Amino acid sequence: MTDLKEARCPAAVTERRMTEAHHTNFERLDIVSADLTMVQRFLQAYLDRALYDSQGRPDGVLAEALTVAIVVTYARPFTRSKNRFGKWEDFNLSFLTAPLSDGQRGLHQRTIGERDKAFAHSDAGPQNIKVIDTPDGRLTVSNVVRVL
């Protein structure tokens, strides 16, 4: 006769629990997926509305707003983030960038760079900002449209 415990829990059935590391990775992948899906929606809205001029530059306030949203949201998964416990973590997404062609990788790197220096921060540097000192002593700063 078999033991009652063995009858209820055969050896073939094993319980597997998700480790904290796996849980954190699944959470991060879910966030990455949501961010990249949002970028896709923003890009589609930008293209559907033809929010660019003949040179492909953003044309109007909505175009500028969507450009900022696209760049910042696209770059978010590739930047350092805090986990659900408030600790900084790096998440390796090289599996997303590894299959990119050289041209695609260049655009990816440029987008991340522009996000870091112009879109998400106000870093000083070459941004084609023009300051004009007028005869009456006022300073005029030109409007700058950031274009990828």
Protein backbone atom coordinates (compact mmCIF):
# COMPACT_ATOMS: atom_id res chain seq x y z
CA MET A 1 0.00 0.00 0.00
CA THR A 2 1.28 3.48 -0.88
CA ASP A 3 1.59 6.24 1.60
CA LEU A 4 -1.32 8.69 1.44
CA LYS A 5 1.09 11.62 1.09
CA GLU A 6 2.71 10.03 -1.98
CA ALA A 7 -0.70 9.44 -3.56
CA ARG A 8 -1.63 13.11 -3.25
CA CYS A 9 1.74 14.52 -4.39
CA PRO A 10 3.40 12.25 -6.91
CA ALA A 11 7.11 12.71 -7.36
CA ALA A 12 6.59 13.90 -10.94
CA VAL A 13 4.84 17.03 -9.72
CA THR A 14 7.24 19.65 -8.46
CA GLU A 15 6.49 23.11 -7.32
CA ARG A 16 8.51 25.89 -8.92
CA ARG A 17 8.52 29.30 -7.40
CA MET A 18 9.57 32.44 -9.23
CA THR A 19 12.70 33.91 -7.71
CA GLU A 20 12.83 37.59 -6.84
CA ALA A 21 15.25 38.13 -9.73
CA HIS A 22 12.82 36.51 -12.18
CA HIS A 23 9.97 38.60 -10.79
CA THR A 24 12.01 41.78 -11.22
CA ASN A 25 12.95 40.80 -14.79
CA PHE A 26 9.32 40.10 -15.72
CA GLU A 27 8.25 43.44 -14.25
CA ARG A 28 10.95 45.29 -16.18
CA LEU A 29 10.07 43.50 -19.45
CA ASP A 30 6.42 44.42 -18.95
CA ILE A 31 7.38 48.08 -18.50
CA VAL A 32 9.66 47.95 -21.57
CA SER A 33 6.85 46.46 -23.62
CA ALA A 34 4.41 49.16 -22.48
CA ASP A 35 6.92 51.93 -23.29
CA LEU A 36 7.71 50.62 -26.77
CA THR A 37 4.00 50.10 -27.51
CA MET A 38 3.39 53.72 -26.48
CA VAL A 39 6.19 54.88 -28.82
CA GLN A 40 4.56 52.97 -31.66
CA ARG A 41 1.23 54.74 -30.97
CA PHE A 42 2.95 58.16 -30.81
CA LEU A 43 4.81 57.53 -34.08
CA GLN A 44 1.63 56.41 -35.81
CA ALA A 45 -0.21 59.54 -34.61
CA TYR A 46 2.69 61.71 -35.84
CA LEU A 47 2.67 60.09 -39.28
CA ASP A 48 -1.14 59.95 -39.59
CA ARG A 49 -1.39 63.68 -38.97
CA ALA A 50 1.51 64.59 -41.30
CA LEU A 51 3.06 66.77 -38.59
CA TYR A 52 6.25 67.52 -40.52
CA ASP A 53 7.38 70.00 -43.12
CA SER A 54 8.89 69.27 -46.54
CA GLN A 55 12.33 68.64 -44.95
CA GLY A 56 10.88 66.13 -42.45
CA ARG A 57 11.14 68.49 -39.46
CA PRO A 58 8.40 68.78 -36.82
CA ASP A 59 5.83 71.35 -37.95
CA GLY A 60 3.88 72.96 -35.11
CA VAL A 61 3.40 72.57 -31.38
CA LEU A 62 1.73 69.16 -31.56
CA ALA A 63 4.61 67.86 -33.68
CA GLU A 64 7.15 69.17 -31.17
CA ALA A 65 5.22 67.65 -28.27
CA LEU A 66 4.97 64.28 -29.98
CA THR A 67 8.67 64.40 -30.91
CA VAL A 68 9.60 64.92 -27.25
CA ALA A 69 7.19 62.18 -26.17
CA ILE A 70 8.58 59.76 -28.77
CA VAL A 71 12.24 60.37 -27.89
CA VAL A 72 11.81 60.35 -24.10
CA THR A 73 9.52 57.31 -24.09
CA TYR A 74 11.71 55.37 -26.53
CA ALA A 75 14.84 56.02 -24.47
CA ARG A 76 13.24 55.23 -21.12
CA PRO A 77 13.81 51.44 -21.25
CA PHE A 78 17.47 51.96 -22.18
CA THR A 79 18.28 54.20 -19.23
CA ARG A 80 18.95 53.33 -15.63
CA SER A 81 15.78 53.02 -13.55
CA LYS A 82 14.69 52.32 -10.01
CA ASN A 83 13.05 49.01 -9.22
CA ARG A 84 9.88 48.62 -7.14
CA PHE A 85 11.98 48.87 -3.97
CA GLY A 86 13.44 52.22 -5.01
CA LYS A 87 16.89 50.83 -5.76
CA TRP A 88 18.75 51.76 -8.94
CA GLU A 89 19.13 48.90 -11.37
CA ASP A 90 20.55 48.34 -14.80
CA PHE A 91 18.58 46.08 -17.10
CA ASN A 92 20.41 44.54 -20.04
CA LEU A 93 18.37 45.08 -23.20
CA SER A 94 21.15 44.17 -25.62
CA PHE A 95 18.89 41.43 -26.98
CA LEU A 96 16.74 44.24 -28.43
CA THR A 97 19.58 46.19 -30.01
CA ALA A 98 21.81 43.28 -31.14
CA PRO A 99 19.78 42.48 -34.30
CA LEU A 100 19.74 46.12 -35.49
CA SER A 101 21.51 47.06 -38.70
CA ASP A 102 24.32 49.62 -38.51
CA GLY A 103 21.93 52.37 -39.64
CA GLN A 104 19.28 51.36 -37.12
CA ARG A 105 21.88 51.13 -34.34
CA GLY A 106 23.11 54.61 -35.24
CA LEU A 107 19.58 56.00 -35.04
CA HIS A 108 19.06 54.22 -31.71
CA GLN A 109 22.27 55.69 -30.27
CA ARG A 110 21.47 59.15 -31.62
CA THR A 111 17.97 59.01 -30.13
CA ILE A 112 19.34 58.01 -26.72
CA GLY A 113 21.98 60.75 -26.93
CA GLU A 114 19.45 63.43 -27.90
CA ARG A 115 17.18 62.33 -25.07
CA ASP A 116 20.04 62.66 -22.60
CA LYS A 117 21.31 66.06 -23.71
CA ALA A 118 18.34 67.92 -25.17
CA PHE A 119 14.96 66.35 -24.52
CA ALA A 120 14.95 65.05 -20.95
CA HIS A 121 17.58 67.41 -19.53
CA SER A 122 18.61 70.97 -20.19
CA ASP A 123 22.29 70.25 -20.69
CA ALA A 124 24.36 73.10 -22.04
CA GLY A 125 26.04 72.43 -25.34
CA PRO A 126 25.66 72.91 -29.06
CA GLN A 127 21.90 73.22 -29.59
CA ASN A 128 21.81 76.00 -32.21
CA ILE A 129 20.50 78.50 -29.68
CA LYS A 130 20.83 82.05 -30.86
CA VAL A 131 20.90 84.94 -28.37
CA ILE A 132 20.55 88.43 -29.81
CA ASP A 133 21.47 91.53 -27.82
CA THR A 134 19.18 94.26 -29.13
CA PRO A 135 20.06 97.99 -29.12
CA ASP A 136 17.55 98.65 -26.33
CA GLY A 137 19.44 96.23 -24.02
CA ARG A 138 16.96 93.35 -24.17
CA LEU A 139 18.09 89.84 -24.98
CA THR A 140 16.17 87.80 -27.49
CA VAL A 141 16.52 84.05 -27.55
CA SER A 142 15.56 82.30 -30.75
CA ASN A 143 13.01 79.52 -30.78
CA VAL A 144 14.77 76.21 -30.99
CA VAL A 145 13.08 73.21 -32.54
CA ARG A 146 14.91 70.03 -31.65
CA VAL A 147 14.96 67.65 -34.58
CA LEU A 148 16.34 64.15 -34.75
